[in-house]
């Protein structure tokens, strides 16, 4: 059974940093991509950043230059370094994992709150 577990959320002040981690386990198939989405209250879930095989990385315009996604393929782990955090970054952050063959999985989410 596939498990996707996030960690690293919390409460910070504007301008501070946080690092999120996500580890996937339980599938014998290789991973195609890992990424982060977020959902703020009353809003739709949106892509924050993703990292696919071959170094294909995408960022939401709102986080470019502030957030960095990195991936350790050997450990099936993805990280999101978030710098210069703003109150509008407040949301539940979800890890997304896309496996070859076995499909797409989500973590339960981790809350990030940025106080003004």
N, C-alpha and C. Protein backbone atom coordinates (compact mmCIF):
# COMPACT_ATOMS: atom_id res chain seq x y z
N UNK A 1 0.84 -1.18 0.00
CA UNK A 1 0.00 0.00 0.00
C UNK A 1 0.89 1.25 0.00
N UNK A 2 0.60 2.16 -0.92
CA UNK A 2 1.41 3.36 -1.05
C UNK A 2 1.11 4.32 0.11
N UNK A 3 2.18 4.86 0.66
CA UNK A 3 2.05 5.90 1.69
C UNK A 3 2.81 7.14 1.24
N UNK A 4 2.18 8.28 1.44
CA UNK A 4 2.79 9.57 1.15
C UNK A 4 2.67 10.41 2.41
N UNK A 5 3.79 10.82 2.94
CA UNK A 5 3.79 11.50 4.24
C UNK A 5 4.56 12.81 4.14
N UNK A 6 3.86 13.90 4.49
CA UNK A 6 4.50 15.22 4.50
C UNK A 6 4.93 15.58 5.91
N UNK A 7 5.89 16.49 5.99
CA UNK A 7 6.29 17.05 7.28
C UNK A 7 6.90 18.42 7.04
N UNK A 8 6.97 19.21 8.12
CA UNK A 8 7.68 20.48 8.04
C UNK A 8 6.82 21.72 8.06
N UNK A 9 5.51 21.56 8.09
CA UNK A 9 4.66 22.74 8.16
C UNK A 9 4.73 23.41 9.52
N UNK A 10 4.10 24.58 9.62
CA UNK A 10 4.09 25.28 10.89
C UNK A 10 3.66 26.72 10.75
N UNK A 11 3.87 27.46 11.83
CA UNK A 11 3.53 28.88 11.89
C UNK A 11 4.81 29.71 11.87
N UNK A 12 4.90 30.62 10.90
CA UNK A 12 6.05 31.51 10.81
C UNK A 12 5.58 32.94 10.58
N UNK A 13 6.53 33.86 10.71
CA UNK A 13 6.25 35.26 10.45
C UNK A 13 6.57 35.60 8.98
N UNK A 14 5.98 36.67 8.52
CA UNK A 14 6.27 37.14 7.16
C UNK A 14 7.77 37.31 6.97
N UNK A 15 8.27 36.80 5.84
CA UNK A 15 9.68 36.92 5.53
C UNK A 15 10.53 35.75 5.97
N UNK A 16 9.97 34.90 6.81
CA UNK A 16 10.73 33.75 7.30
C UNK A 16 10.67 32.59 6.30
N UNK A 17 11.32 31.49 6.68
CA UNK A 17 11.44 30.34 5.78
C UNK A 17 10.92 29.08 6.44
N UNK A 18 10.53 28.14 5.61
CA UNK A 18 10.15 26.80 6.04
C UNK A 18 10.61 25.82 4.98
N UNK A 19 10.85 24.58 5.42
CA UNK A 19 11.20 23.53 4.47
C UNK A 19 10.24 22.36 4.68
N UNK A 20 9.53 22.01 3.63
CA UNK A 20 8.63 20.87 3.66
C UNK A 20 9.33 19.65 3.09
N UNK A 21 9.00 18.50 3.65
CA UNK A 21 9.52 17.23 3.15
C UNK A 21 8.36 16.29 2.87
N UNK A 22 8.58 15.41 1.92
CA UNK A 22 7.56 14.41 1.59
C UNK A 22 8.26 13.13 1.18
N UNK A 23 7.86 12.03 1.80
CA UNK A 23 8.43 10.73 1.48
C UNK A 23 7.34 9.79 1.01
N UNK A 24 7.61 9.08 -0.07
CA UNK A 24 6.67 8.10 -0.63
C UNK A 24 7.24 6.71 -0.49
N UNK A 25 6.36 5.77 -0.20
CA UNK A 25 6.80 4.39 -0.04
C UNK A 25 5.66 3.44 -0.38
N UNK A 26 6.01 2.16 -0.59
CA UNK A 26 5.00 1.14 -0.71
C UNK A 26 4.67 0.68 -2.12
N UNK A 27 5.34 1.24 -3.13
CA UNK A 27 5.09 0.79 -4.50
C UNK A 27 6.38 0.26 -5.09
N UNK A 28 6.27 -0.80 -5.88
CA UNK A 28 7.45 -1.34 -6.54
C UNK A 28 7.71 -0.66 -7.89
N UNK A 29 6.80 0.22 -8.30
CA UNK A 29 6.97 0.92 -9.57
C UNK A 29 7.78 2.20 -9.37
N UNK A 30 8.48 2.63 -10.38
CA UNK A 30 9.24 3.88 -10.25
C UNK A 30 8.32 5.10 -10.30
N UNK A 31 8.82 6.19 -9.75
CA UNK A 31 8.08 7.44 -9.72
C UNK A 31 8.41 8.27 -10.95
N UNK A 32 7.38 8.84 -11.55
CA UNK A 32 7.60 9.76 -12.67
C UNK A 32 7.78 11.20 -12.18
N UNK A 33 6.95 11.62 -11.26
CA UNK A 33 7.08 13.00 -10.78
C UNK A 33 6.62 13.11 -9.33
N UNK A 34 7.13 14.10 -8.66
CA UNK A 34 6.68 14.46 -7.31
C UNK A 34 6.50 15.98 -7.28
N UNK A 35 5.54 16.41 -6.50
CA UNK A 35 5.29 17.84 -6.48
C UNK A 35 4.50 18.28 -5.27
N UNK A 36 4.28 19.57 -5.21
CA UNK A 36 3.55 20.18 -4.10
C UNK A 36 2.40 21.01 -4.65
N UNK A 37 1.26 20.86 -4.02
CA UNK A 37 0.08 21.66 -4.28
C UNK A 37 -0.32 22.31 -2.97
N UNK A 38 -1.15 23.33 -3.05
CA UNK A 38 -1.67 23.95 -1.85
C UNK A 38 -3.12 24.36 -2.03
N UNK A 39 -3.81 24.44 -0.91
CA UNK A 39 -5.21 24.85 -0.92
C UNK A 39 -5.47 25.77 0.25
N UNK A 40 -5.81 26.99 -0.07
CA UNK A 40 -6.17 27.97 0.95
C UNK A 40 -7.68 27.90 1.19
N UNK A 41 -8.14 28.36 2.34
CA UNK A 41 -9.58 28.32 2.63
C UNK A 41 -10.40 29.03 1.56
N UNK A 42 -11.42 28.35 1.06
CA UNK A 42 -12.29 28.94 0.06
C UNK A 42 -11.73 28.97 -1.35
N UNK A 43 -10.56 28.38 -1.54
CA UNK A 43 -9.95 28.39 -2.86
C UNK A 43 -9.70 26.97 -3.36
N UNK A 44 -9.47 26.87 -4.67
CA UNK A 44 -9.17 25.57 -5.25
C UNK A 44 -7.73 25.19 -4.99
N UNK A 45 -7.48 23.90 -5.01
CA UNK A 45 -6.12 23.41 -4.88
C UNK A 45 -5.33 23.83 -6.12
N UNK A 46 -4.10 24.31 -5.89
CA UNK A 46 -3.29 24.79 -7.00
C UNK A 46 -1.88 24.21 -6.93
N UNK A 47 -1.28 24.09 -8.10
CA UNK A 47 0.10 23.62 -8.18
C UNK A 47 1.03 24.69 -7.62
N UNK A 48 1.96 24.25 -6.78
CA UNK A 48 3.02 25.14 -6.28
C UNK A 48 4.30 24.88 -7.06
N UNK A 49 4.71 23.61 -7.08
CA UNK A 49 5.93 23.24 -7.79
C UNK A 49 5.92 21.75 -8.04
N UNK A 50 6.55 21.36 -9.14
CA UNK A 50 6.64 19.94 -9.45
C UNK A 50 7.99 19.63 -10.05
N UNK A 51 8.39 18.37 -9.90
CA UNK A 51 9.66 17.90 -10.42
C UNK A 51 9.45 16.54 -11.05
N UNK A 52 9.66 16.48 -12.36
CA UNK A 52 9.49 15.22 -13.09
C UNK A 52 10.84 14.67 -13.52
N UNK A 53 10.85 13.42 -13.89
CA UNK A 53 12.08 12.81 -14.37
C UNK A 53 12.67 13.61 -15.52
N UNK A 54 13.98 13.63 -15.57
CA UNK A 54 14.65 14.39 -16.61
C UNK A 54 14.87 15.83 -16.23
N UNK A 55 14.58 16.17 -14.98
CA UNK A 55 14.83 17.53 -14.52
C UNK A 55 13.79 18.54 -14.91
N UNK A 56 12.62 18.08 -15.30
CA UNK A 56 11.55 18.99 -15.70
C UNK A 56 10.88 19.55 -14.45
N UNK A 57 11.11 20.83 -14.19
CA UNK A 57 10.61 21.49 -12.98
C UNK A 57 9.68 22.64 -13.35
N UNK A 58 8.57 22.73 -12.63
CA UNK A 58 7.61 23.81 -12.86
C UNK A 58 7.27 24.49 -11.55
N UNK A 59 7.04 25.80 -11.62
CA UNK A 59 6.64 26.58 -10.45
C UNK A 59 5.44 27.45 -10.79
N UNK A 60 4.61 27.67 -9.80
CA UNK A 60 3.58 28.69 -9.93
C UNK A 60 4.25 30.05 -10.00
N UNK A 61 3.68 30.94 -10.79
CA UNK A 61 4.27 32.28 -10.92
C UNK A 61 4.41 32.97 -9.57
N UNK A 62 3.48 32.71 -8.68
CA UNK A 62 3.45 33.40 -7.40
C UNK A 62 4.59 33.00 -6.47
N UNK A 63 5.27 31.89 -6.77
CA UNK A 63 6.34 31.43 -5.88
C UNK A 63 7.70 31.44 -6.54
N UNK A 64 7.75 31.76 -7.83
CA UNK A 64 9.04 31.78 -8.53
C UNK A 64 9.99 32.75 -7.86
N UNK A 65 11.23 32.29 -7.67
CA UNK A 65 12.23 33.12 -7.02
C UNK A 65 12.23 33.03 -5.50
N UNK A 66 11.19 32.45 -4.93
CA UNK A 66 11.11 32.32 -3.47
C UNK A 66 11.13 30.86 -3.02
N UNK A 67 10.51 29.98 -3.79
CA UNK A 67 10.44 28.57 -3.43
C UNK A 67 11.34 27.75 -4.35
N UNK A 68 11.90 26.69 -3.79
CA UNK A 68 12.73 25.78 -4.57
C UNK A 68 12.33 24.34 -4.27
N UNK A 69 12.04 23.59 -5.32
CA UNK A 69 11.73 22.17 -5.16
C UNK A 69 12.97 21.36 -5.48
N UNK A 70 13.18 20.33 -4.69
CA UNK A 70 14.29 19.42 -4.95
C UNK A 70 13.83 18.00 -4.64
N UNK A 71 14.51 17.05 -5.23
CA UNK A 71 14.04 15.68 -5.14
C UNK A 71 15.23 14.75 -4.98
N UNK A 72 15.08 13.79 -4.08
CA UNK A 72 16.06 12.72 -3.90
C UNK A 72 15.41 11.45 -4.43
N UNK A 73 15.70 11.12 -5.67
CA UNK A 73 15.03 9.98 -6.30
C UNK A 73 15.36 8.66 -5.62
N UNK A 74 16.56 8.57 -5.08
CA UNK A 74 16.95 7.34 -4.41
C UNK A 74 16.16 7.07 -3.16
N UNK A 75 15.65 8.14 -2.54
CA UNK A 75 14.88 8.02 -1.31
C UNK A 75 13.39 8.26 -1.53
N UNK A 76 12.98 8.46 -2.80
CA UNK A 76 11.58 8.79 -3.10
C UNK A 76 11.08 9.92 -2.22
N UNK A 77 11.88 10.96 -2.15
CA UNK A 77 11.59 12.09 -1.28
C UNK A 77 11.68 13.38 -2.08
N UNK A 78 10.78 14.30 -1.76
CA UNK A 78 10.80 15.61 -2.39
C UNK A 78 10.73 16.67 -1.29
N UNK A 79 11.40 17.78 -1.55
CA UNK A 79 11.46 18.87 -0.58
C UNK A 79 10.95 20.16 -1.23
N UNK A 80 10.46 21.04 -0.39
CA UNK A 80 10.08 22.38 -0.86
C UNK A 80 10.67 23.38 0.11
N UNK A 81 11.69 24.09 -0.34
CA UNK A 81 12.28 25.17 0.45
C UNK A 81 11.51 26.44 0.15
N UNK A 82 10.91 27.01 1.17
CA UNK A 82 10.08 28.20 1.01
C UNK A 82 10.73 29.36 1.75
N UNK A 83 11.17 30.35 1.01
CA UNK A 83 11.79 31.53 1.57
C UNK A 83 10.90 32.75 1.36
N UNK A 84 11.18 33.78 2.11
CA UNK A 84 10.43 35.05 1.98
C UNK A 84 8.93 34.81 1.99
N UNK A 85 8.48 34.05 2.96
CA UNK A 85 7.08 33.69 3.02
C UNK A 85 6.18 34.90 3.24
N UNK A 86 5.01 34.82 2.64
CA UNK A 86 4.02 35.90 2.71
C UNK A 86 2.72 35.35 3.30
N UNK A 87 1.89 36.21 3.85
CA UNK A 87 0.61 35.73 4.38
C UNK A 87 -0.22 34.99 3.32
N UNK A 88 -0.11 35.38 2.08
CA UNK A 88 -0.88 34.71 1.02
C UNK A 88 -0.37 33.31 0.70
N UNK A 89 0.75 32.92 1.29
CA UNK A 89 1.23 31.55 1.16
C UNK A 89 0.55 30.61 2.16
N UNK A 90 -0.22 31.18 3.06
CA UNK A 90 -0.92 30.36 4.04
C UNK A 90 -1.89 29.41 3.35
N UNK A 91 -1.74 28.12 3.65
CA UNK A 91 -2.56 27.09 3.02
C UNK A 91 -2.18 25.73 3.60
N UNK A 92 -2.97 24.74 3.24
CA UNK A 92 -2.56 23.36 3.47
C UNK A 92 -1.78 22.92 2.24
N UNK A 93 -0.60 22.41 2.46
CA UNK A 93 0.28 21.99 1.38
C UNK A 93 0.21 20.47 1.26
N UNK A 94 -0.02 20.00 0.05
CA UNK A 94 -0.17 18.58 -0.23
C UNK A 94 0.95 18.10 -1.14
N UNK A 95 1.47 16.95 -0.82
CA UNK A 95 2.45 16.29 -1.68
C UNK A 95 1.72 15.40 -2.67
N UNK A 96 2.17 15.46 -3.90
CA UNK A 96 1.59 14.66 -4.98
C UNK A 96 2.67 13.78 -5.58
N UNK A 97 2.36 12.51 -5.74
CA UNK A 97 3.32 11.55 -6.30
C UNK A 97 2.66 10.82 -7.46
N UNK A 98 3.34 10.83 -8.59
CA UNK A 98 2.83 10.14 -9.78
C UNK A 98 3.77 9.01 -10.13
N UNK A 99 3.26 7.79 -9.99
CA UNK A 99 4.04 6.61 -10.32
C UNK A 99 3.76 6.17 -11.75
N UNK A 100 4.77 5.58 -12.38
CA UNK A 100 4.51 4.83 -13.60
C UNK A 100 3.62 3.65 -13.22
N UNK A 101 2.61 3.41 -13.99
CA UNK A 101 1.70 2.26 -13.87
C UNK A 101 0.72 2.40 -12.72
N UNK A 102 1.20 2.58 -11.49
CA UNK A 102 0.28 2.50 -10.35
C UNK A 102 -0.47 3.78 -10.06
N UNK A 103 -0.12 4.88 -10.74
CA UNK A 103 -0.98 6.04 -10.65
C UNK A 103 -0.54 7.13 -9.70
N UNK A 104 -1.51 7.94 -9.29
CA UNK A 104 -1.29 9.18 -8.55
C UNK A 104 -1.73 9.04 -7.10
N UNK A 105 -0.92 9.59 -6.21
CA UNK A 105 -1.23 9.52 -4.79
C UNK A 105 -0.99 10.88 -4.15
N UNK A 106 -1.75 11.12 -3.06
CA UNK A 106 -1.65 12.37 -2.32
C UNK A 106 -1.34 12.10 -0.86
N UNK A 107 -0.60 13.02 -0.27
CA UNK A 107 -0.43 12.98 1.18
C UNK A 107 -1.61 13.65 1.86
N UNK A 108 -1.68 13.54 3.18
CA UNK A 108 -2.81 14.10 3.93
C UNK A 108 -2.74 15.62 4.06
N UNK A 109 -1.58 16.21 3.79
CA UNK A 109 -1.44 17.66 3.86
C UNK A 109 -0.76 18.12 5.13
N UNK A 110 -0.10 19.25 5.03
CA UNK A 110 0.54 19.89 6.19
C UNK A 110 0.23 21.38 6.15
N UNK A 111 -0.14 21.92 7.29
CA UNK A 111 -0.57 23.32 7.35
C UNK A 111 0.64 24.25 7.42
N UNK A 112 0.61 25.26 6.58
CA UNK A 112 1.58 26.34 6.63
C UNK A 112 0.81 27.64 6.89
N UNK A 113 1.18 28.32 7.95
CA UNK A 113 0.54 29.58 8.30
C UNK A 113 1.60 30.66 8.41
N UNK A 114 1.39 31.74 7.68
CA UNK A 114 2.33 32.85 7.69
C UNK A 114 1.61 34.06 8.30
N UNK A 115 2.11 34.48 9.44
CA UNK A 115 1.50 35.60 10.15
C UNK A 115 2.06 36.91 9.64
N UNK A 116 1.20 37.91 9.58
CA UNK A 116 1.65 39.22 9.08
C UNK A 116 2.19 40.07 10.21
